[in-house]
């Protein structure tokens, strides 16, 4: 009987292991597909900024709670969230770091847009 019990446990572990690996592969494939779709949706410079800073434009907008790239609104929300998450008032250094990264990403996107607008202006002149 111990032999049969061991076989049942072994077969059960194999089934669970295979199911886990299949789920892991599917999750990895879905993650890759989402990353590729995000990369195609962004302009090349914007996608590069996302990779360098480590945060997407959409994620940065969510963190700072801004819907459009308005520098005044970005700065106002950044100041508020940075102050609220200060460690001296019981905040979290991790959250404060996320706020800083989000601001850097949005500032970079504003710079990219300004550069693109400047290039469009030069092309219109010629």
N, C-alpha and C. Protein backbone atom coordinates (compact mmCIF):
# COMPACT_ATOMS: atom_id res chain seq x y z
N UNK A 1 0.81 -1.20 0.00
CA UNK A 1 0.00 0.00 0.00
C UNK A 1 0.86 1.26 0.00
N UNK A 2 1.98 1.21 0.67
CA UNK A 2 2.89 2.35 0.69
C UNK A 2 3.41 2.63 -0.71
N UNK A 3 3.61 1.56 -1.48
CA UNK A 3 4.10 1.70 -2.85
C UNK A 3 3.08 2.45 -3.70
N UNK A 4 1.80 2.09 -3.57
CA UNK A 4 0.75 2.76 -4.34
C UNK A 4 0.59 4.22 -3.92
N UNK A 5 0.69 4.45 -2.63
CA UNK A 5 0.59 5.82 -2.11
C UNK A 5 1.73 6.68 -2.67
N UNK A 6 2.93 6.13 -2.71
CA UNK A 6 4.09 6.86 -3.25
C UNK A 6 3.88 7.15 -4.74
N UNK A 7 3.34 6.17 -5.47
CA UNK A 7 3.08 6.39 -6.90
C UNK A 7 2.03 7.46 -7.12
N UNK A 8 0.99 7.46 -6.31
CA UNK A 8 -0.07 8.48 -6.42
C UNK A 8 0.50 9.86 -6.14
N UNK A 9 1.32 9.97 -5.11
CA UNK A 9 1.93 11.26 -4.77
C UNK A 9 2.85 11.71 -5.89
N UNK A 10 3.63 10.79 -6.46
CA UNK A 10 4.56 11.13 -7.54
C UNK A 10 3.81 11.59 -8.79
N UNK A 11 2.76 10.87 -9.17
CA UNK A 11 1.98 11.26 -10.35
C UNK A 11 1.29 12.60 -10.10
N UNK A 12 0.75 12.80 -8.92
CA UNK A 12 0.10 14.06 -8.58
C UNK A 12 1.08 15.23 -8.65
N UNK A 13 2.28 15.02 -8.14
CA UNK A 13 3.29 16.08 -8.18
C UNK A 13 3.68 16.40 -9.61
N UNK A 14 3.76 15.37 -10.47
CA UNK A 14 4.09 15.60 -11.87
C UNK A 14 3.00 16.40 -12.57
N UNK A 15 1.76 16.07 -12.30
CA UNK A 15 0.64 16.78 -12.91
C UNK A 15 0.63 18.24 -12.48
N UNK A 16 0.81 18.47 -11.19
CA UNK A 16 0.83 19.83 -10.68
C UNK A 16 2.02 20.60 -11.25
N UNK A 17 3.17 19.94 -11.33
CA UNK A 17 4.37 20.58 -11.88
C UNK A 17 4.19 20.99 -13.33
N UNK A 18 3.60 20.09 -14.13
CA UNK A 18 3.36 20.41 -15.55
C UNK A 18 2.38 21.58 -15.69
N UNK A 19 1.33 21.55 -14.90
CA UNK A 19 0.33 22.63 -14.96
C UNK A 19 0.97 23.96 -14.57
N UNK A 20 1.81 23.93 -13.55
CA UNK A 20 2.48 25.15 -13.10
C UNK A 20 3.39 25.69 -14.19
N UNK A 21 4.16 24.80 -14.83
CA UNK A 21 5.07 25.23 -15.90
C UNK A 21 4.29 25.80 -17.09
N UNK A 22 3.16 25.17 -17.43
CA UNK A 22 2.34 25.65 -18.54
C UNK A 22 1.81 27.05 -18.22
N UNK A 23 1.33 27.23 -17.00
CA UNK A 23 0.82 28.54 -16.59
C UNK A 23 1.93 29.59 -16.59
N UNK A 24 3.11 29.19 -16.15
CA UNK A 24 4.25 30.10 -16.13
C UNK A 24 4.64 30.52 -17.55
N UNK A 25 4.66 29.58 -18.48
CA UNK A 25 4.97 29.90 -19.88
C UNK A 25 3.92 30.85 -20.47
N UNK A 26 2.66 30.58 -20.18
CA UNK A 26 1.59 31.44 -20.70
C UNK A 26 1.70 32.85 -20.14
N UNK A 27 2.00 32.97 -18.86
CA UNK A 27 2.14 34.28 -18.23
C UNK A 27 3.33 35.03 -18.83
N UNK A 28 4.43 34.32 -19.05
CA UNK A 28 5.61 34.94 -19.64
C UNK A 28 5.30 35.42 -21.06
N UNK A 29 4.60 34.60 -21.84
CA UNK A 29 4.25 34.99 -23.21
C UNK A 29 3.33 36.20 -23.21
N UNK A 30 2.36 36.23 -22.29
CA UNK A 30 1.45 37.37 -22.21
C UNK A 30 2.20 38.64 -21.80
N UNK A 31 3.14 38.50 -20.89
CA UNK A 31 3.95 39.64 -20.46
C UNK A 31 4.79 40.18 -21.61
N UNK A 32 5.40 39.29 -22.38
CA UNK A 32 6.20 39.70 -23.53
C UNK A 32 5.32 40.40 -24.58
N UNK A 33 4.14 39.84 -24.83
CA UNK A 33 3.24 40.44 -25.81
C UNK A 33 2.81 41.84 -25.37
N UNK A 34 2.53 42.01 -24.09
CA UNK A 34 2.14 43.32 -23.58
C UNK A 34 3.29 44.31 -23.69
N UNK A 35 4.50 43.87 -23.37
CA UNK A 35 5.67 44.75 -23.47
C UNK A 35 5.92 45.15 -24.92
N UNK A 36 5.77 44.21 -25.84
CA UNK A 36 5.95 44.53 -27.26
C UNK A 36 4.90 45.51 -27.74
N UNK A 37 3.66 45.31 -27.31
CA UNK A 37 2.58 46.21 -27.72
C UNK A 37 2.82 47.61 -27.18
N UNK A 38 3.29 47.70 -25.95
CA UNK A 38 3.60 49.00 -25.36
C UNK A 38 4.70 49.68 -26.13
N UNK A 39 5.72 48.90 -26.49
CA UNK A 39 6.85 49.47 -27.24
C UNK A 39 6.44 49.98 -28.60
N UNK A 40 5.53 49.28 -29.27
CA UNK A 40 5.06 49.73 -30.59
C UNK A 40 4.18 50.96 -30.47
N UNK A 41 3.46 51.09 -29.36
CA UNK A 41 2.53 52.20 -29.21
C UNK A 41 3.27 53.52 -28.98
N UNK A 42 4.44 53.45 -28.38
CA UNK A 42 5.18 54.68 -28.07
C UNK A 42 6.09 55.05 -29.24
N UNK A 43 6.40 56.32 -29.34
CA UNK A 43 7.38 56.77 -30.33
C UNK A 43 8.76 56.23 -29.92
N UNK A 44 9.68 56.10 -30.86
CA UNK A 44 10.99 55.50 -30.54
C UNK A 44 11.71 56.20 -29.39
N UNK A 45 11.74 57.54 -29.39
CA UNK A 45 12.43 58.25 -28.31
C UNK A 45 11.72 58.04 -26.98
N UNK A 46 10.39 58.03 -27.01
CA UNK A 46 9.61 57.84 -25.80
C UNK A 46 9.82 56.44 -25.24
N UNK A 47 9.86 55.45 -26.14
CA UNK A 47 10.09 54.08 -25.71
C UNK A 47 11.49 53.94 -25.09
N UNK A 48 12.46 54.62 -25.68
CA UNK A 48 13.82 54.58 -25.14
C UNK A 48 13.86 55.21 -23.75
N UNK A 49 13.15 56.31 -23.57
CA UNK A 49 13.10 56.97 -22.26
C UNK A 49 12.46 56.05 -21.24
N UNK A 50 11.42 55.32 -21.65
CA UNK A 50 10.76 54.38 -20.73
C UNK A 50 11.75 53.31 -20.28
N UNK A 51 12.54 52.80 -21.22
CA UNK A 51 13.51 51.76 -20.87
C UNK A 51 14.60 52.31 -19.96
N UNK A 52 15.08 53.51 -20.25
CA UNK A 52 16.18 54.09 -19.46
C UNK A 52 15.72 54.40 -18.04
N UNK A 53 14.59 55.07 -17.92
CA UNK A 53 14.10 55.47 -16.60
C UNK A 53 13.44 54.31 -15.88
N UNK A 54 12.93 53.34 -16.65
CA UNK A 54 12.35 52.16 -16.03
C UNK A 54 10.87 52.29 -15.71
N UNK A 55 10.22 53.26 -16.32
CA UNK A 55 8.81 53.48 -16.04
C UNK A 55 8.15 53.99 -17.32
N UNK A 56 6.97 53.49 -17.62
CA UNK A 56 6.30 53.91 -18.86
C UNK A 56 5.62 55.26 -18.64
N UNK A 57 5.30 55.89 -19.74
CA UNK A 57 4.62 57.19 -19.68
C UNK A 57 3.28 57.06 -18.96
N UNK A 58 2.52 56.03 -19.30
CA UNK A 58 1.21 55.84 -18.67
C UNK A 58 1.34 55.61 -17.18
N UNK A 59 2.33 54.81 -16.77
CA UNK A 59 2.53 54.55 -15.35
C UNK A 59 2.92 55.84 -14.62
N UNK A 60 3.77 56.63 -15.24
CA UNK A 60 4.17 57.90 -14.62
C UNK A 60 2.97 58.83 -14.46
N UNK A 61 2.10 58.86 -15.47
CA UNK A 61 0.91 59.70 -15.37
C UNK A 61 -0.01 59.20 -14.26
N UNK A 62 -0.12 57.90 -14.09
CA UNK A 62 -0.96 57.35 -13.03
C UNK A 62 -0.38 57.68 -11.66
N UNK A 63 0.92 57.55 -11.52
CA UNK A 63 1.55 57.81 -10.22
C UNK A 63 1.34 59.26 -9.81
N UNK A 64 1.54 60.19 -10.74
CA UNK A 64 1.39 61.61 -10.41
C UNK A 64 -0.05 62.11 -10.62
N UNK A 65 -0.94 61.21 -11.03
CA UNK A 65 -2.36 61.54 -11.19
C UNK A 65 -2.57 62.73 -12.12
N UNK A 66 -1.97 62.63 -13.32
CA UNK A 66 -2.18 63.65 -14.35
C UNK A 66 -2.67 62.96 -15.62
N UNK A 67 -3.61 63.61 -16.29
CA UNK A 67 -4.14 63.00 -17.51
C UNK A 67 -3.46 63.54 -18.76
N UNK A 68 -2.98 64.77 -18.70
CA UNK A 68 -2.26 65.32 -19.86
C UNK A 68 -0.94 65.90 -19.38
N UNK A 69 -0.08 66.20 -20.31
CA UNK A 69 1.27 66.66 -19.95
C UNK A 69 1.30 68.17 -19.77
N UNK A 70 0.74 68.60 -18.67
CA UNK A 70 0.71 70.01 -18.30
C UNK A 70 1.80 70.23 -17.25
N UNK A 71 2.87 70.96 -17.56
CA UNK A 71 4.00 71.10 -16.63
C UNK A 71 3.60 71.64 -15.25
N UNK A 72 2.65 72.58 -15.22
CA UNK A 72 2.25 73.15 -13.93
C UNK A 72 1.54 72.10 -13.07
N UNK A 73 0.65 71.32 -13.69
CA UNK A 73 -0.08 70.28 -12.95
C UNK A 73 0.88 69.18 -12.49
N UNK A 74 1.82 68.83 -13.34
CA UNK A 74 2.82 67.81 -12.98
C UNK A 74 3.62 68.28 -11.76
N UNK A 75 4.10 69.52 -11.80
CA UNK A 75 4.90 70.05 -10.70
C UNK A 75 4.09 70.13 -9.41
N UNK A 76 2.84 70.59 -9.52
CA UNK A 76 1.98 70.71 -8.34
C UNK A 76 1.75 69.34 -7.69
N UNK A 77 1.41 68.34 -8.50
CA UNK A 77 1.17 67.00 -7.96
C UNK A 77 2.45 66.37 -7.42
N UNK A 78 3.56 66.63 -8.11
CA UNK A 78 4.85 66.11 -7.64
C UNK A 78 5.18 66.68 -6.26
N UNK A 79 5.08 68.00 -6.13
CA UNK A 79 5.40 68.64 -4.84
C UNK A 79 4.55 68.06 -3.73
N UNK A 80 3.25 67.93 -3.99
CA UNK A 80 2.34 67.40 -2.98
C UNK A 80 2.70 65.96 -2.60
N UNK A 81 2.85 65.10 -3.59
CA UNK A 81 3.13 63.69 -3.30
C UNK A 81 4.51 63.48 -2.68
N UNK A 82 5.48 64.29 -3.09
CA UNK A 82 6.81 64.17 -2.51
C UNK A 82 6.77 64.54 -1.02
N UNK A 83 6.05 65.62 -0.72
CA UNK A 83 5.95 66.07 0.67
C UNK A 83 5.18 65.07 1.53
N UNK A 84 4.08 64.56 1.01
CA UNK A 84 3.24 63.62 1.76
C UNK A 84 3.98 62.32 2.05
N UNK A 85 4.85 61.88 1.14
CA UNK A 85 5.57 60.62 1.31
C UNK A 85 6.94 60.79 1.94
N UNK A 86 7.21 61.97 2.50
CA UNK A 86 8.49 62.19 3.16
C UNK A 86 8.58 61.30 4.40
N UNK A 87 9.73 60.70 4.59
CA UNK A 87 9.92 59.77 5.70
C UNK A 87 9.73 60.45 7.06
N UNK A 88 10.07 61.73 7.14
CA UNK A 88 9.97 62.44 8.42
C UNK A 88 8.52 62.62 8.88
N UNK A 89 7.57 62.50 7.96
CA UNK A 89 6.17 62.61 8.35
C UNK A 89 5.47 61.25 8.25
N UNK A 90 6.26 60.18 8.31
CA UNK A 90 5.69 58.84 8.31
C UNK A 90 5.45 58.26 6.92
N UNK A 91 6.01 58.90 5.91
CA UNK A 91 5.84 58.41 4.54
C UNK A 91 6.79 57.26 4.23
N UNK A 92 6.78 56.87 2.99
CA UNK A 92 7.58 55.74 2.54
C UNK A 92 8.63 56.20 1.53
N UNK A 93 9.87 55.82 1.78
CA UNK A 93 10.95 56.16 0.86
C UNK A 93 10.70 55.52 -0.50
N UNK A 94 10.13 54.30 -0.51
CA UNK A 94 9.83 53.61 -1.76
C UNK A 94 8.84 54.42 -2.59
N UNK A 95 7.76 54.88 -1.96
CA UNK A 95 6.76 55.66 -2.69
C UNK A 95 7.34 57.00 -3.15
N UNK A 96 8.16 57.59 -2.30
CA UNK A 96 8.78 58.85 -2.67
C UNK A 96 9.70 58.65 -3.88
N UNK A 97 10.38 57.53 -3.93
CA UNK A 97 11.23 57.22 -5.08
C UNK A 97 10.41 57.04 -6.35
N UNK A 98 9.25 56.38 -6.21
CA UNK A 98 8.36 56.21 -7.37
C UNK A 98 7.89 57.57 -7.89
N UNK A 99 7.59 58.48 -6.99
CA UNK A 99 7.14 59.82 -7.37
C UNK A 99 8.26 60.54 -8.13
N UNK A 100 9.49 60.42 -7.64
CA UNK A 100 10.63 61.06 -8.30
C UNK A 100 10.83 60.48 -9.69
N UNK A 101 10.78 59.15 -9.81
CA UNK A 101 10.95 58.50 -11.12
C UNK A 101 9.84 58.91 -12.08
N UNK A 102 8.62 59.00 -11.59
CA UNK A 102 7.49 59.41 -12.43
C UNK A 102 7.71 60.83 -12.95
N UNK A 103 8.16 61.72 -12.08
CA UNK A 103 8.43 63.11 -12.49
C UNK A 103 9.54 63.15 -13.53
N UNK A 104 10.60 62.37 -13.32
CA UNK A 104 11.69 62.33 -14.30
C UNK A 104 11.18 61.85 -15.65
N UNK A 105 10.32 60.85 -15.65
CA UNK A 105 9.81 60.30 -16.90
C UNK A 105 8.93 61.33 -17.62
N UNK A 106 8.07 62.02 -16.88
CA UNK A 106 7.21 63.03 -17.49
C UNK A 106 8.02 64.22 -17.98
N UNK A 107 9.03 64.62 -17.24
CA UNK A 107 9.91 65.71 -17.69
C UNK A 107 10.62 65.32 -18.98
N UNK A 108 11.06 64.06 -19.06
CA UNK A 108 11.73 63.59 -20.26
C UNK A 108 10.76 63.60 -21.45
N UNK A 109 9.51 63.20 -21.22
CA UNK A 109 8.52 63.21 -22.30
C UNK A 109 8.23 64.64 -22.76
N UNK A 110 8.17 65.58 -21.83
CA UNK A 110 7.97 66.98 -22.20
C UNK A 110 9.15 67.49 -23.05
N UNK A 111 10.37 67.07 -22.67
CA UNK A 111 11.56 67.46 -23.42
C UNK A 111 11.51 66.88 -24.84
N UNK A 112 11.10 65.61 -24.95
CA UNK A 112 11.00 64.96 -26.25
C UNK A 112 9.97 65.67 -27.12
N UNK A 113 8.83 66.02 -26.53
CA UNK A 113 7.79 66.72 -27.28
C UNK A 113 8.25 68.10 -27.73
N UNK A 114 8.94 68.81 -26.84
CA UNK A 114 9.43 70.14 -27.21
C UNK A 114 10.44 70.05 -28.34
N UNK A 115 11.30 69.05 -28.29
CA UNK A 115 12.28 68.84 -29.35
C UNK A 115 11.57 68.52 -30.66
N UNK A 116 10.53 67.68 -30.60
CA UNK A 116 9.75 67.34 -31.79
C UNK A 116 9.04 68.54 -32.37
N UNK A 117 8.49 69.39 -31.51
CA UNK A 117 7.81 70.61 -31.97
C UNK A 117 8.81 71.55 -32.64
N UNK A 118 10.01 71.64 -32.07
CA UNK A 118 11.05 72.51 -32.64
C UNK A 118 11.44 72.01 -34.03
N UNK A 119 11.57 70.69 -34.18
CA UNK A 119 11.93 70.11 -35.48
C UNK A 119 10.81 70.33 -36.50
N UNK A 120 9.56 70.22 -36.07
CA UNK A 120 8.43 70.47 -36.96
C UNK A 120 8.43 71.93 -37.42
N UNK A 121 8.76 72.85 -36.52
CA UNK A 121 8.83 74.26 -36.86
C UNK A 121 9.90 74.54 -37.90
N UNK A 122 11.04 73.87 -37.78
CA UNK A 122 12.11 74.05 -38.76
C UNK A 122 11.72 73.49 -40.12
N UNK A 123 11.03 72.36 -40.13
CA UNK A 123 10.59 71.77 -41.40
C UNK A 123 9.55 72.64 -42.08
N UNK A 124 8.71 73.30 -41.31
CA UNK A 124 7.67 74.16 -41.88
C UNK A 124 8.29 75.40 -42.51
N UNK A 125 9.42 75.87 -41.96
CA UNK A 125 10.08 77.06 -42.49
C UNK A 125 10.72 76.80 -43.85
N UNK A 126 11.19 75.58 -44.05
CA UNK A 126 11.90 75.29 -45.31
C UNK A 126 10.98 74.88 -46.43
